[in-house]
C-alpha cells in the first residue's frame, strides 16, 4: 500500500471511529435537563435526598432526564425560587413555600395538628387532606406540589424549668422567643408561655443575658447546634414541625410526558417518605446529644400531648383574617386533634 493510500485509509478510519464515539455519546446524552433548587447546605439531609431523587430519575429514565441540584440558595432564596417556578425558569425545588402570593399557604405552619411521627405519616401522606389542599393552593399559582420534606418536630427549650409543661392552663413562668408570625405567638401563649419576638440571629445572646428565658419554634437539631450552651431544659412538645415542599413548575410539568411525570413523582414520593423516617431518627439522636451535654430532656406520649394540641387548636379561629374562615373551617374538620 502506498503512503498516500495508507494516510487516506487512516483518515477515513479515524473519522469512522470519531462518528461512532459521537453516536454512542448522543445515545446516553440527556434529552431533558431540570434545574432543582434547594435552600440548605450540600451536606444537609434535604440536599442529600435531592441528590437521591436526581439519581433515581436518571436511572429510571435510562439517562434521558438529568436533574441538576443547586443547594444553599444558589438560584435565589425561596421567595425568588417560587416566582421562577411560576414563570417556568426554574423547574423544581425543595424549599419553603412563601405566602406573599397567597397567605393561605401558611397552612403548613399552623400549630397543634400533629403530636408525633405516627400523626406525621398520616397527615403528610400523598392521599391526605393537607397534601390535596396545599396542592390546590399551589396549583392556582402555577406550581405543582410533589411532596413534603419533613426535617423534624418542634419543641420548647428553656433556661429554667417550666411549670406544669403539659397543662396549658398553667402559666409556665417562662418568657420565650417566638418567630414573628401569628401562628407561633398564638400557639405558645395557648400553651401557657409569655412571648417576645427577637431576631433569629440574636436569640443566643438574648437567652444568655436573660432577655428571654426560652425559645419556641426550634427543631431539636437546631436547638442543639445553635443553643446548647444556654439551654437547661428541652420539652419535646411536638406542637409543630419543620417542613418544606418539593415543588415543580406547572408550565414545565405540562411539557413532560405522562411516563416522565410518573418517574419524577415516584422518586420524590420515595424521598418524602424517607424524610419522615430520617427526621424521627435525627430527633432521637439530638435529644441524646442534649442529654450527654447536660440538658434535661422531657419527652411525652402522644396521649400526654393531646391537651397542648387542643390548646393550640383553640387559636385557629384567630387565623381566619389571613387564612379565610372557609379554609380554617375545612382545616378544623380534617385536622382537629384526635382526628
C-alpha atoms as a PDB file:
ATOM      1  CA  UNK A   1       0.000   0.000   0.000  1.00  0.00           C
ATOM      2  CA  UNK A   2       1.326   3.430  -0.960  1.00  0.00           C
ATOM      3  CA  UNK A   3       1.972   6.007   1.734  1.00  0.00           C
ATOM      4  CA  UNK A   4      -0.776   8.280   0.317  1.00  0.00           C
ATOM      5  CA  UNK A   5      -3.313   5.447   0.290  1.00  0.00           C
ATOM      6  CA  UNK A   6      -2.302   4.456   3.829  1.00  0.00           C
ATOM      7  CA  UNK A   7      -2.796   8.003   5.057  1.00  0.00           C
ATOM      8  CA  UNK A   8      -6.202   8.227   3.358  1.00  0.00           C
ATOM      9  CA  UNK A   9      -7.308   4.923   4.879  1.00  0.00           C
ATOM     10  CA  UNK A  10      -6.139   6.035   8.324  1.00  0.00           C
ATOM     11  CA  UNK A  11      -8.030   9.334   7.969  1.00  0.00           C
ATOM     12  CA  UNK A  12     -11.255   7.535   6.984  1.00  0.00           C
ATOM     13  CA  UNK A  13     -10.840   5.084   9.845  1.00  0.00           C
ATOM     14  CA  UNK A  14     -10.329   7.997  12.239  1.00  0.00           C
ATOM     15  CA  UNK A  15     -13.466   9.726  11.052  1.00  0.00           C
ATOM     16  CA  UNK A  16     -15.440   6.486  11.425  1.00  0.00           C
ATOM     17  CA  UNK A  17     -14.142   5.987  14.964  1.00  0.00           C
ATOM     18  CA  UNK A  18     -14.997   9.588  15.875  1.00  0.00           C
ATOM     19  CA  UNK A  19     -18.510   9.259  14.479  1.00  0.00           C
ATOM     20  CA  UNK A  20     -19.049   6.087  16.488  1.00  0.00           C
ATOM     21  CA  UNK A  21     -17.964   7.895  19.652  1.00  0.00           C
ATOM     22  CA  UNK A  22     -20.329  10.777  18.904  1.00  0.00           C
ATOM     23  CA  UNK A  23     -23.227   8.422  18.198  1.00  0.00           C
ATOM     24  CA  UNK A  24     -22.525   6.480  21.367  1.00  0.00           C
ATOM     25  CA  UNK A  25     -22.297   9.704  23.366  1.00  0.00           C
ATOM     26  CA  UNK A  26     -25.574  11.048  21.982  1.00  0.00           C
ATOM     27  CA  UNK A  27     -27.297   7.805  22.882  1.00  0.00           C
ATOM     28  CA  UNK A  28     -26.558   8.485  26.517  1.00  0.00           C
ATOM     29  CA  UNK A  29     -26.998  12.277  26.462  1.00  0.00           C
ATOM     30  CA  UNK A  30     -29.885  13.647  28.493  1.00  0.00           C
ATOM     31  CA  UNK A  31     -32.922  14.697  26.481  1.00  0.00           C
ATOM     32  CA  UNK A  32     -34.328  16.736  29.379  1.00  0.00           C
ATOM     33  CA  UNK A  33     -32.323  18.745  31.926  1.00  0.00           C
ATOM     34  CA  UNK A  34     -34.112  20.043  35.016  1.00  0.00           C
ATOM     35  CA  UNK A  35     -32.846  22.661  37.481  1.00  0.00           C
ATOM     36  CA  UNK A  36     -33.583  21.592  41.088  1.00  0.00           C
ATOM     37  CA  UNK A  37     -33.290  24.482  43.581  1.00  0.00           C
ATOM     38  CA  UNK A  38     -32.619  23.923  47.286  1.00  0.00           C
ATOM     39  CA  UNK A  39     -32.129  26.181  50.307  1.00  0.00           C
ATOM     40  CA  UNK A  40     -29.973  24.010  52.574  1.00  0.00           C
ATOM     41  CA  UNK A  41     -26.202  23.280  52.602  1.00  0.00           C
ATOM     42  CA  UNK A  42     -24.769  20.485  50.472  1.00  0.00           C
ATOM     43  CA  UNK A  43     -24.473  18.079  53.411  1.00  0.00           C
ATOM     44  CA  UNK A  44     -27.961  18.756  54.798  1.00  0.00           C
ATOM     45  CA  UNK A  45     -30.407  15.780  54.735  1.00  0.00           C
ATOM     46  CA  UNK A  46     -32.724  17.721  52.414  1.00  0.00           C
ATOM     47  CA  UNK A  47     -29.957  18.230  49.852  1.00  0.00           C
ATOM     48  CA  UNK A  48     -28.798  14.621  50.108  1.00  0.00           C
ATOM     49  CA  UNK A  49     -32.345  13.480  49.329  1.00  0.00           C
ATOM     50  CA  UNK A  50     -32.436  15.884  46.380  1.00  0.00           C
ATOM     51  CA  UNK A  51     -29.354  14.071  45.041  1.00  0.00           C
ATOM     52  CA  UNK A  52     -31.098  10.726  45.583  1.00  0.00           C
ATOM     53  CA  UNK A  53     -34.098  11.978  43.594  1.00  0.00           C
ATOM     54  CA  UNK A  54     -31.791  13.025  40.754  1.00  0.00           C
ATOM     55  CA  UNK A  55     -30.058   9.629  40.752  1.00  0.00           C
ATOM     56  CA  UNK A  56     -33.329   7.668  40.770  1.00  0.00           C
ATOM     57  CA  UNK A  57     -34.804   9.743  37.936  1.00  0.00           C
ATOM     58  CA  UNK A  58     -31.648   9.296  35.853  1.00  0.00           C
ATOM     59  CA  UNK A  59     -31.714   5.541  36.422  1.00  0.00           C
ATOM     60  CA  UNK A  60     -35.444   5.073  35.756  1.00  0.00           C
ATOM     61  CA  UNK A  61     -35.311   7.224  32.609  1.00  0.00           C
ATOM     62  CA  UNK A  62     -32.186   5.493  31.271  1.00  0.00           C
ATOM     63  CA  UNK A  63     -30.365   8.804  31.421  1.00  0.00           C
ATOM     64  CA  UNK A  64     -32.934  10.732  29.377  1.00  0.00           C
ATOM     65  CA  UNK A  65     -33.760  13.024  32.300  1.00  0.00           C
ATOM     66  CA  UNK A  66     -30.934  14.807  34.084  1.00  0.00           C
ATOM     67  CA  UNK A  67     -31.641  16.735  37.275  1.00  0.00           C
ATOM     68  CA  UNK A  68     -29.028  19.286  38.318  1.00  0.00           C
ATOM     69  CA  UNK A  69     -29.134  20.053  42.048  1.00  0.00           C
ATOM     70  CA  UNK A  70     -28.408  23.611  43.222  1.00  0.00           C
ATOM     71  CA  UNK A  71     -28.231  23.713  47.052  1.00  0.00           C
ATOM     72  CA  UNK A  72     -27.880  26.590  49.530  1.00  0.00           C
ATOM     73  CA  UNK A  73     -29.935  29.215  47.639  1.00  0.00           C
ATOM     74  CA  UNK A  74     -27.632  29.151  44.606  1.00  0.00           C
ATOM     75  CA  UNK A  75     -30.642  30.001  42.409  1.00  0.00           C
ATOM     76  CA  UNK A  76     -32.049  32.547  44.881  1.00  0.00           C
ATOM     77  CA  UNK A  77     -33.903  32.416  48.176  1.00  0.00           C
ATOM     78  CA  UNK A  78     -37.189  30.541  48.471  1.00  0.00           C
ATOM     79  CA  UNK A  79     -39.335  33.575  47.584  1.00  0.00           C
ATOM     80  CA  UNK A  80     -37.426  34.189  44.349  1.00  0.00           C
ATOM     81  CA  UNK A  81     -37.344  30.468  43.525  1.00  0.00           C
ATOM     82  CA  UNK A  82     -41.126  30.289  43.881  1.00  0.00           C
ATOM     83  CA  UNK A  83     -41.532  33.175  41.428  1.00  0.00           C
ATOM     84  CA  UNK A  84     -39.246  31.389  38.970  1.00  0.00           C
ATOM     85  CA  UNK A  85     -41.287  28.187  39.360  1.00  0.00           C
ATOM     86  CA  UNK A  86     -44.361  30.166  38.362  1.00  0.00           C
ATOM     87  CA  UNK A  87     -42.524  31.593  35.348  1.00  0.00           C
ATOM     88  CA  UNK A  88     -41.060  28.225  34.354  1.00  0.00           C
ATOM     89  CA  UNK A  89     -37.439  29.420  34.539  1.00  0.00           C
ATOM     90  CA  UNK A  90     -36.675  27.015  37.413  1.00  0.00           C
ATOM     91  CA  UNK A  91     -38.046  23.513  37.021  1.00  0.00           C
ATOM     92  CA  UNK A  92     -38.308  22.161  40.570  1.00  0.00           C
ATOM     93  CA  UNK A  93     -37.395  22.950  44.155  1.00  0.00           C
ATOM     94  CA  UNK A  94     -37.101  21.647  47.698  1.00  0.00           C
ATOM     95  CA  UNK A  95     -37.769  24.897  49.544  1.00  0.00           C
ATOM     96  CA  UNK A  96     -40.047  26.686  51.952  1.00  0.00           C
ATOM     97  CA  UNK A  97     -43.296  27.934  50.473  1.00  0.00           C
ATOM     98  CA  UNK A  98     -43.704  31.738  50.644  1.00  0.00           C
ATOM     99  CA  UNK A  99     -47.034  33.340  51.466  1.00  0.00           C
ATOM    100  CA  UNK A 100     -46.777  36.678  49.663  1.00  0.00           C
ATOM    101  CA  UNK A 101     -48.796  35.337  46.742  1.00  0.00           C
ATOM    102  CA  UNK A 102     -51.431  33.701  48.955  1.00  0.00           C
ATOM    103  CA  UNK A 103     -51.450  33.929  52.791  1.00  0.00           C
ATOM    104  CA  UNK A 104     -53.275  30.603  52.912  1.00  0.00           C
ATOM    105  CA  UNK A 105     -50.008  28.877  52.035  1.00  0.00           C
ATOM    106  CA  UNK A 106     -49.010  29.396  55.693  1.00  0.00           C
ATOM    107  CA  UNK A 107     -51.356  26.487  56.400  1.00  0.00           C
ATOM    108  CA  UNK A 108     -48.317  24.241  56.934  1.00  0.00           C
ATOM    109  CA  UNK A 109     -47.160  26.354  59.880  1.00  0.00           C
ATOM    110  CA  UNK A 110     -50.374  26.175  61.908  1.00  0.00           C
ATOM    111  CA  UNK A 111     -49.705  24.687  65.349  1.00  0.00           C
ATOM    112  CA  UNK A 112     -51.391  21.756  67.051  1.00  0.00           C
ATOM    113  CA  UNK A 113     -52.309  19.329  64.281  1.00  0.00           C
ATOM    114  CA  UNK A 114     -49.565  16.745  64.911  1.00  0.00           C
ATOM    115  CA  UNK A 115     -48.336  15.212  68.160  1.00  0.00           C
ATOM    116  CA  UNK A 116     -45.778  12.685  66.905  1.00  0.00           C
ATOM    117  CA  UNK A 117     -44.482  10.788  63.912  1.00  0.00           C
ATOM    118  CA  UNK A 118     -47.457   8.449  63.645  1.00  0.00           C
ATOM    119  CA  UNK A 119     -49.515  11.594  63.093  1.00  0.00           C
ATOM    120  CA  UNK A 120     -46.954  12.897  60.599  1.00  0.00           C
ATOM    121  CA  UNK A 121     -47.122   9.742  58.475  1.00  0.00           C
ATOM    122  CA  UNK A 122     -50.890  10.090  58.161  1.00  0.00           C
ATOM    123  CA  UNK A 123     -51.142  13.869  57.862  1.00  0.00           C
ATOM    124  CA  UNK A 124     -48.427  14.214  55.192  1.00  0.00           C
ATOM    125  CA  UNK A 125     -49.413  11.186  53.109  1.00  0.00           C
ATOM    126  CA  UNK A 126     -49.944  11.950  49.383  1.00  0.00           C
ATOM    127  CA  UNK A 127     -53.627  10.990  49.631  1.00  0.00           C
ATOM    128  CA  UNK A 128     -54.310  13.011  52.801  1.00  0.00           C
ATOM    129  CA  UNK A 129     -56.322  16.231  53.029  1.00  0.00           C
ATOM    130  CA  UNK A 130     -53.331  18.514  53.717  1.00  0.00           C
ATOM    131  CA  UNK A 131     -51.457  17.398  50.614  1.00  0.00           C
ATOM    132  CA  UNK A 132     -54.550  17.868  48.474  1.00  0.00           C
ATOM    133  CA  UNK A 133     -55.269  21.330  49.862  1.00  0.00           C
ATOM    134  CA  UNK A 134     -51.665  22.563  49.548  1.00  0.00           C
ATOM    135  CA  UNK A 135     -51.535  21.177  46.005  1.00  0.00           C
ATOM    136  CA  UNK A 136     -54.757  23.021  45.194  1.00  0.00           C
ATOM    137  CA  UNK A 137     -53.461  26.335  46.566  1.00  0.00           C
ATOM    138  CA  UNK A 138     -50.119  25.982  44.742  1.00  0.00           C
ATOM    139  CA  UNK A 139     -51.786  24.912  41.501  1.00  0.00           C
ATOM    140  CA  UNK A 140     -53.760  28.151  41.407  1.00  0.00           C
ATOM    141  CA  UNK A 141     -50.429  29.954  41.183  1.00  0.00           C
ATOM    142  CA  UNK A 142     -48.951  27.641  38.566  1.00  0.00           C
ATOM    143  CA  UNK A 143     -46.905  25.403  40.859  1.00  0.00           C
ATOM    144  CA  UNK A 144     -47.263  21.633  41.256  1.00  0.00           C
ATOM    145  CA  UNK A 145     -46.776  20.126  44.721  1.00  0.00           C
ATOM    146  CA  UNK A 146     -44.945  16.779  44.594  1.00  0.00           C
ATOM    147  CA  UNK A 147     -44.356  16.077  48.289  1.00  0.00           C
ATOM    148  CA  UNK A 148     -43.024  17.259  51.647  1.00  0.00           C
ATOM    149  CA  UNK A 149     -39.576  17.108  53.203  1.00  0.00           C
ATOM    150  CA  UNK A 150     -40.010  16.705  56.964  1.00  0.00           C
ATOM    151  CA  UNK A 151     -36.972  17.906  58.922  1.00  0.00           C
ATOM    152  CA  UNK A 152     -38.148  17.292  62.472  1.00  0.00           C
ATOM    153  CA  UNK A 153     -40.604  18.019  65.256  1.00  0.00           C
ATOM    154  CA  UNK A 154     -40.547  21.324  67.132  1.00  0.00           C
ATOM    155  CA  UNK A 155     -40.252  21.674  70.893  1.00  0.00           C
ATOM    156  CA  UNK A 156     -39.558  24.262  73.570  1.00  0.00           C
ATOM    157  CA  UNK A 157     -36.130  24.967  75.067  1.00  0.00           C
ATOM    158  CA  UNK A 158     -35.682  26.901  78.312  1.00  0.00           C
ATOM    159  CA  UNK A 159     -33.034  28.165  80.704  1.00  0.00           C
ATOM    160  CA  UNK A 160     -35.183  27.265  83.737  1.00  0.00           C
ATOM    161  CA  UNK A 161     -37.927  24.705  84.467  1.00  0.00           C
ATOM    162  CA  UNK A 162     -41.393  25.353  83.004  1.00  0.00           C
ATOM    163  CA  UNK A 163     -44.273  24.932  85.430  1.00  0.00           C
ATOM    164  CA  UNK A 164     -46.607  22.020  84.606  1.00  0.00           C
ATOM    165  CA  UNK A 165     -45.456  21.761  80.967  1.00  0.00           C
ATOM    166  CA  UNK A 166     -48.372  19.523  79.921  1.00  0.00           C
ATOM    167  CA  UNK A 167     -51.113  21.712  81.434  1.00  0.00           C
ATOM    168  CA  UNK A 168     -51.914  24.629  79.097  1.00  0.00           C
ATOM    169  CA  UNK A 169     -53.987  26.367  81.766  1.00  0.00           C
ATOM    170  CA  UNK A 170     -50.917  26.889  83.979  1.00  0.00           C
ATOM    171  CA  UNK A 171     -48.670  29.915  83.487  1.00  0.00           C
ATOM    172  CA  UNK A 172     -45.292  28.370  82.698  1.00  0.00           C
ATOM    173  CA  UNK A 173     -43.385  31.253  84.292  1.00  0.00           C
ATOM    174  CA  UNK A 174     -41.116  31.423  81.237  1.00  0.00           C
ATOM    175  CA  UNK A 175     -40.717  34.174  78.630  1.00  0.00           C
ATOM    176  CA  UNK A 176     -39.985  32.508  75.277  1.00  0.00           C
ATOM    177  CA  UNK A 177     -38.840  33.904  71.985  1.00  0.00           C
ATOM    178  CA  UNK A 178     -41.165  33.200  69.039  1.00  0.00           C
ATOM    179  CA  UNK A 179     -40.914  33.897  65.326  1.00  0.00           C
ATOM    180  CA  UNK A 180     -42.760  36.975  64.088  1.00  0.00           C
ATOM    181  CA  UNK A 181     -45.789  35.006  62.894  1.00  0.00           C
ATOM    182  CA  UNK A 182     -49.221  34.810  64.474  1.00  0.00           C
ATOM    183  CA  UNK A 183     -49.264  31.021  64.334  1.00  0.00           C
ATOM    184  CA  UNK A 184     -46.244  30.730  66.646  1.00  0.00           C
ATOM    185  CA  UNK A 185     -47.164  33.547  69.026  1.00  0.00           C
ATOM    186  CA  UNK A 186     -50.739  32.303  69.481  1.00  0.00           C
ATOM    187  CA  UNK A 187     -49.631  28.686  69.885  1.00  0.00           C
ATOM    188  CA  UNK A 188     -47.003  29.451  72.542  1.00  0.00           C
ATOM    189  CA  UNK A 189     -49.380  31.638  74.531  1.00  0.00           C
ATOM    190  CA  UNK A 190     -52.110  28.997  74.335  1.00  0.00           C
ATOM    191  CA  UNK A 191     -49.688  26.532  75.921  1.00  0.00           C
ATOM    192  CA  UNK A 192     -49.063  28.926  78.838  1.00  0.00           C
ATOM    193  CA  UNK A 193     -45.904  30.799  77.826  1.00  0.00           C
ATOM    194  CA  UNK A 194     -45.339  34.540  77.672  1.00  0.00           C
ATOM    195  CA  UNK A 195     -43.812  35.564  74.350  1.00  0.00           C
ATOM    196  CA  UNK A 196     -41.405  38.067  72.856  1.00  0.00           C
ATOM    197  CA  UNK A 197     -40.211  38.495  69.270  1.00  0.00           C
ATOM    198  CA  UNK A 198     -36.427  38.632  68.857  1.00  0.00           C
ATOM    199  CA  UNK A 199     -34.440  38.421  65.586  1.00  0.00           C
ATOM    200  CA  UNK A 200     -33.222  34.887  64.874  1.00  0.00           C
ATOM    201  CA  UNK A 201     -29.573  35.955  64.923  1.00  0.00           C
ATOM    202  CA  UNK A 202     -29.928  37.473  68.417  1.00  0.00           C
ATOM    203  CA  UNK A 203     -31.601  34.541  70.198  1.00  0.00           C
ATOM    204  CA  UNK A 204     -28.443  33.049  71.728  1.00  0.00           C
ATOM    205  CA  UNK A 205     -27.354  36.336  73.278  1.00  0.00           C
ATOM    206  CA  UNK A 206     -30.906  37.083  74.427  1.00  0.00           C
ATOM    207  CA  UNK A 207     -31.052  33.783  76.312  1.00  0.00           C
ATOM    208  CA  UNK A 208     -27.540  34.220  77.657  1.00  0.00           C
ATOM    209  CA  UNK A 209     -28.336  37.670  79.072  1.00  0.00           C
ATOM    210  CA  UNK A 210     -31.832  36.853  80.304  1.00  0.00           C
ATOM    211  CA  UNK A 211     -33.734  38.987  77.792  1.00  0.00           C
ATOM    212  CA  UNK A 212     -35.741  35.818  77.209  1.00  0.00           C
ATOM    213  CA  UNK A 213     -35.780  32.522  79.093  1.00  0.00           C
ATOM    214  CA  UNK A 214     -36.566  30.117  76.302  1.00  0.00           C
ATOM    215  CA  UNK A 215     -37.322  29.515  72.649  1.00  0.00           C
ATOM    216  CA  UNK A 216     -40.381  28.225  70.913  1.00  0.00           C
ATOM    217  CA  UNK A 217     -40.236  27.141  67.281  1.00  0.00           C
ATOM    218  CA  UNK A 218     -36.888  25.326  67.020  1.00  0.00           C
ATOM    219  CA  UNK A 219     -36.379  21.791  65.820  1.00  0.00           C
ATOM    220  CA  UNK A 220     -34.319  19.526  68.087  1.00  0.00           C
ATOM    221  CA  UNK A 221     -31.300  19.685  65.775  1.00  0.00           C
ATOM    222  CA  UNK A 222     -31.437  23.476  65.509  1.00  0.00           C
ATOM    223  CA  UNK A 223     -31.824  23.898  69.266  1.00  0.00           C
ATOM    224  CA  UNK A 224     -28.832  21.684  70.000  1.00  0.00           C
ATOM    225  CA  UNK A 225     -26.490  23.028  67.332  1.00  0.00           C
ATOM    226  CA  UNK A 226     -27.255  26.701  67.993  1.00  0.00           C
ATOM    227  CA  UNK A 227     -28.271  26.976  71.650  1.00  0.00           C
ATOM    228  CA  UNK A 228     -26.817  24.051  73.604  1.00  0.00           C
ATOM    229  CA  UNK A 229     -24.560  26.277  75.713  1.00  0.00           C
ATOM    230  CA  UNK A 230     -27.519  28.208  77.135  1.00  0.00           C
ATOM    231  CA  UNK A 231     -30.232  25.511  77.229  1.00  0.00           C
ATOM    232  CA  UNK A 232     -31.018  23.769  80.503  1.00  0.00           C
ATOM    233  CA  UNK A 233     -34.304  22.072  79.580  1.00  0.00           C
ATOM    234  CA  UNK A 234     -35.771  20.705  76.350  1.00  0.00           C
ATOM    235  CA  UNK A 235     -39.500  19.927  76.243  1.00  0.00           C
ATOM    236  CA  UNK A 236     -40.338  17.735  73.249  1.00  0.00           C
ATOM    237  CA  UNK A 237     -43.833  19.172  72.889  1.00  0.00           C
ATOM    238  CA  UNK A 238     -44.261  18.322  69.183  1.00  0.00           C
ATOM    239  CA  UNK A 239     -46.770  21.128  68.685  1.00  0.00           C
ATOM    240  CA  UNK A 240     -45.439  21.815  65.192  1.00  0.00           C
ATOM    241  CA  UNK A 241     -42.730  20.640  62.819  1.00  0.00           C
ATOM    242  CA  UNK A 242     -40.161  21.874  60.350  1.00  0.00           C
ATOM    243  CA  UNK A 243     -41.368  21.016  56.855  1.00  0.00           C
ATOM    244  CA  UNK A 244     -40.591  22.296  53.347  1.00  0.00           C
ATOM    245  CA  UNK A 245     -42.053  21.444  49.956  1.00  0.00           C
ATOM    246  CA  UNK A 246     -40.968  19.519  46.886  1.00  0.00           C
ATOM    247  CA  UNK A 247     -42.442  21.636  44.089  1.00  0.00           C
ATOM    248  CA  UNK A 248     -42.436  21.659  40.284  1.00  0.00           C
ATOM    249  CA  UNK A 249     -43.143  24.405  37.773  1.00  0.00           C
ATOM    250  CA  UNK A 250     -46.634  23.897  36.357  1.00  0.00           C
ATOM    251  CA  UNK A 251     -45.502  25.128  32.943  1.00  0.00           C
ATOM    252  CA  UNK A 252     -42.697  22.578  32.776  1.00  0.00           C
ATOM    253  CA  UNK A 253     -44.830  19.783  34.270  1.00  0.00           C
ATOM    254  CA  UNK A 254     -47.303  20.153  31.398  1.00  0.00           C
ATOM    255  CA  UNK A 255     -44.489  19.649  28.895  1.00  0.00           C
ATOM    256  CA  UNK A 256     -43.428  16.292  30.360  1.00  0.00           C
ATOM    257  CA  UNK A 257     -44.909  13.037  29.093  1.00  0.00           C
ATOM    258  CA  UNK A 258     -47.148  11.095  31.451  1.00  0.00           C
ATOM    259  CA  UNK A 259     -44.424   8.479  31.820  1.00  0.00           C
ATOM    260  CA  UNK A 260     -41.777  11.048  32.739  1.00  0.00           C
ATOM    261  CA  UNK A 261     -44.118  12.697  35.222  1.00  0.00           C
ATOM    262  CA  UNK A 262     -44.563   9.336  36.895  1.00  0.00           C
ATOM    263  CA  UNK A 263     -40.803   8.786  37.097  1.00  0.00           C
ATOM    264  CA  UNK A 264     -40.258  12.168  38.780  1.00  0.00           C
ATOM    265  CA  UNK A 265     -43.259  11.846  41.106  1.00  0.00           C
ATOM    266  CA  UNK A 266     -42.248   8.356  42.236  1.00  0.00           C
ATOM    267  CA  UNK A 267     -38.693   9.456  43.037  1.00  0.00           C
ATOM    268  CA  UNK A 268     -39.961  12.426  45.070  1.00  0.00           C
ATOM    269  CA  UNK A 269     -42.505  10.257  46.905  1.00  0.00           C
ATOM    270  CA  UNK A 270     -39.714   7.874  47.918  1.00  0.00           C
ATOM    271  CA  UNK A 271     -37.659  10.796  49.268  1.00  0.00           C
ATOM    272  CA  UNK A 272     -40.625  12.316  51.099  1.00  0.00           C
ATOM    273  CA  UNK A 273     -41.384   9.055  52.899  1.00  0.00           C
ATOM    274  CA  UNK A 274     -37.709   8.589  53.744  1.00  0.00           C
ATOM    275  CA  UNK A 275     -37.518  12.102  55.217  1.00  0.00           C
ATOM    276  CA  UNK A 276     -40.067  11.186  57.905  1.00  0.00           C
ATOM    277  CA  UNK A 277     -38.044   8.144  58.982  1.00  0.00           C
ATOM    278  CA  UNK A 278     -34.847  10.204  58.984  1.00  0.00           C
ATOM    279  CA  UNK A 279     -36.475  13.046  60.921  1.00  0.00           C
ATOM    280  CA  UNK A 280     -37.529  10.756  63.748  1.00  0.00           C
ATOM    281  CA  UNK A 281     -34.028   9.289  63.942  1.00  0.00           C
ATOM    282  CA  UNK A 282     -32.469  12.782  63.889  1.00  0.00           C
ATOM    283  CA  UNK A 283     -34.736  13.939  66.718  1.00  0.00           C
ATOM    284  CA  UNK A 284     -33.743  10.950  68.831  1.00  0.00           C
ATOM    285  CA  UNK A 285     -30.056  11.442  68.019  1.00  0.00           C
ATOM    286  CA  UNK A 286     -30.043  15.111  69.002  1.00  0.00           C
ATOM    287  CA  UNK A 287     -32.062  14.530  72.157  1.00  0.00           C
ATOM    288  CA  UNK A 288     -29.444  12.014  73.239  1.00  0.00           C
ATOM    289  CA  UNK A 289     -26.721  14.540  72.425  1.00  0.00           C
ATOM    290  CA  UNK A 290     -28.578  17.036  74.598  1.00  0.00           C
ATOM    291  CA  UNK A 291     -28.646  14.559  77.484  1.00  0.00           C
ATOM    292  CA  UNK A 292     -24.950  13.868  77.042  1.00  0.00           C
ATOM    293  CA  UNK A 293     -24.315  17.616  77.147  1.00  0.00           C
ATOM    294  CA  UNK A 294     -26.193  18.007  80.409  1.00  0.00           C
ATOM    295  CA  UNK A 295     -29.500  19.351  79.139  1.00  0.00           C
ATOM    296  CA  UNK A 296     -32.571  17.841  80.807  1.00  0.00           C
ATOM    297  CA  UNK A 297     -34.799  16.352  78.105  1.00  0.00           C
ATOM    298  CA  UNK A 298     -38.525  15.813  78.692  1.00  0.00           C
ATOM    299  CA  UNK A 299     -40.401  13.504  76.317  1.00  0.00           C
ATOM    300  CA  UNK A 300     -44.070  12.534  76.275  1.00  0.00           C
ATOM    301  CA  UNK A 301     -46.529  10.159  74.642  1.00  0.00           C
ATOM    302  CA  UNK A 302     -48.979  11.424  72.025  1.00  0.00           C
ATOM    303  CA  UNK A 303     -51.800  10.970  74.550  1.00  0.00           C
ATOM    304  CA  UNK A 304     -49.986  13.166  77.077  1.00  0.00           C
ATOM    305  CA  UNK A 305     -49.509  15.857  74.436  1.00  0.00           C
ATOM    306  CA  UNK A 306     -53.189  15.971  73.450  1.00  0.00           C
ATOM    307  CA  UNK A 307     -54.088  18.852  75.861  1.00  0.00           C
ATOM    308  CA  UNK A 308     -51.364  21.029  74.302  1.00  0.00           C
ATOM    309  CA  UNK A 309     -52.579  20.239  70.791  1.00  0.00           C
ATOM    310  CA  UNK A 310     -56.156  21.042  71.811  1.00  0.00           C
ATOM    311  CA  UNK A 311     -54.987  24.351  73.336  1.00  0.00           C
ATOM    312  CA  UNK A 312     -53.215  25.291  70.101  1.00  0.00           C
ATOM    313  CA  UNK A 313     -56.342  24.377  68.145  1.00  0.00           C
ATOM    314  CA  UNK A 314     -58.357  26.960  70.110  1.00  0.00           C
ATOM    315  CA  UNK A 315     -56.290  29.662  68.364  1.00  0.00           C
ATOM    316  CA  UNK A 316     -57.175  28.575  64.826  1.00  0.00           C
ATOM    317  CA  UNK A 317     -60.162  30.909  64.678  1.00  0.00           C
ATOM    318  CA  UNK A 318     -57.834  33.883  65.138  1.00  0.00           C
ATOM    319  CA  UNK A 319     -56.051  32.940  61.898  1.00  0.00           C
ATOM    320  CA  UNK A 320     -59.164  33.406  59.773  1.00  0.00           C
ATOM    321  CA  UNK A 321     -58.341  37.031  58.906  1.00  0.00           C
ATOM    322  CA  UNK A 322     -55.493  35.945  56.635  1.00  0.00           C
ATOM    323  CA  UNK A 323     -56.337  32.280  56.103  1.00  0.00           C
ATOM    324  CA  UNK A 324     -60.078  32.852  55.487  1.00  0.00           C
ATOM    325  CA  UNK A 325     -62.883  31.328  57.546  1.00  0.00           C
ATOM    326  CA  UNK A 326     -63.694  28.868  54.769  1.00  0.00           C
ATOM    327  CA  UNK A 327     -60.193  27.350  54.823  1.00  0.00           C
ATOM    328  CA  UNK A 328     -59.933  27.230  58.622  1.00  0.00           C
ATOM    329  CA  UNK A 329     -63.376  25.605  58.892  1.00  0.00           C
ATOM    330  CA  UNK A 330     -62.148  22.935  56.485  1.00  0.00           C
ATOM    331  CA  UNK A 331     -58.901  22.658  58.446  1.00  0.00           C
ATOM    332  CA  UNK A 332     -60.814  22.132  61.696  1.00  0.00           C
ATOM    333  CA  UNK A 333     -62.928  19.366  60.177  1.00  0.00           C
ATOM    334  CA  UNK A 334     -59.932  17.476  58.833  1.00  0.00           C
ATOM    335  CA  UNK A 335     -57.090  18.316  61.233  1.00  0.00           C
ATOM    336  CA  UNK A 336     -58.526  18.834  64.718  1.00  0.00           C
ATOM    337  CA  UNK A 337     -56.643  16.960  67.490  1.00  0.00           C
ATOM    338  CA  UNK A 338     -57.929  13.421  67.830  1.00  0.00           C
ATOM    339  CA  UNK A 339     -58.876  13.089  64.153  1.00  0.00           C
END
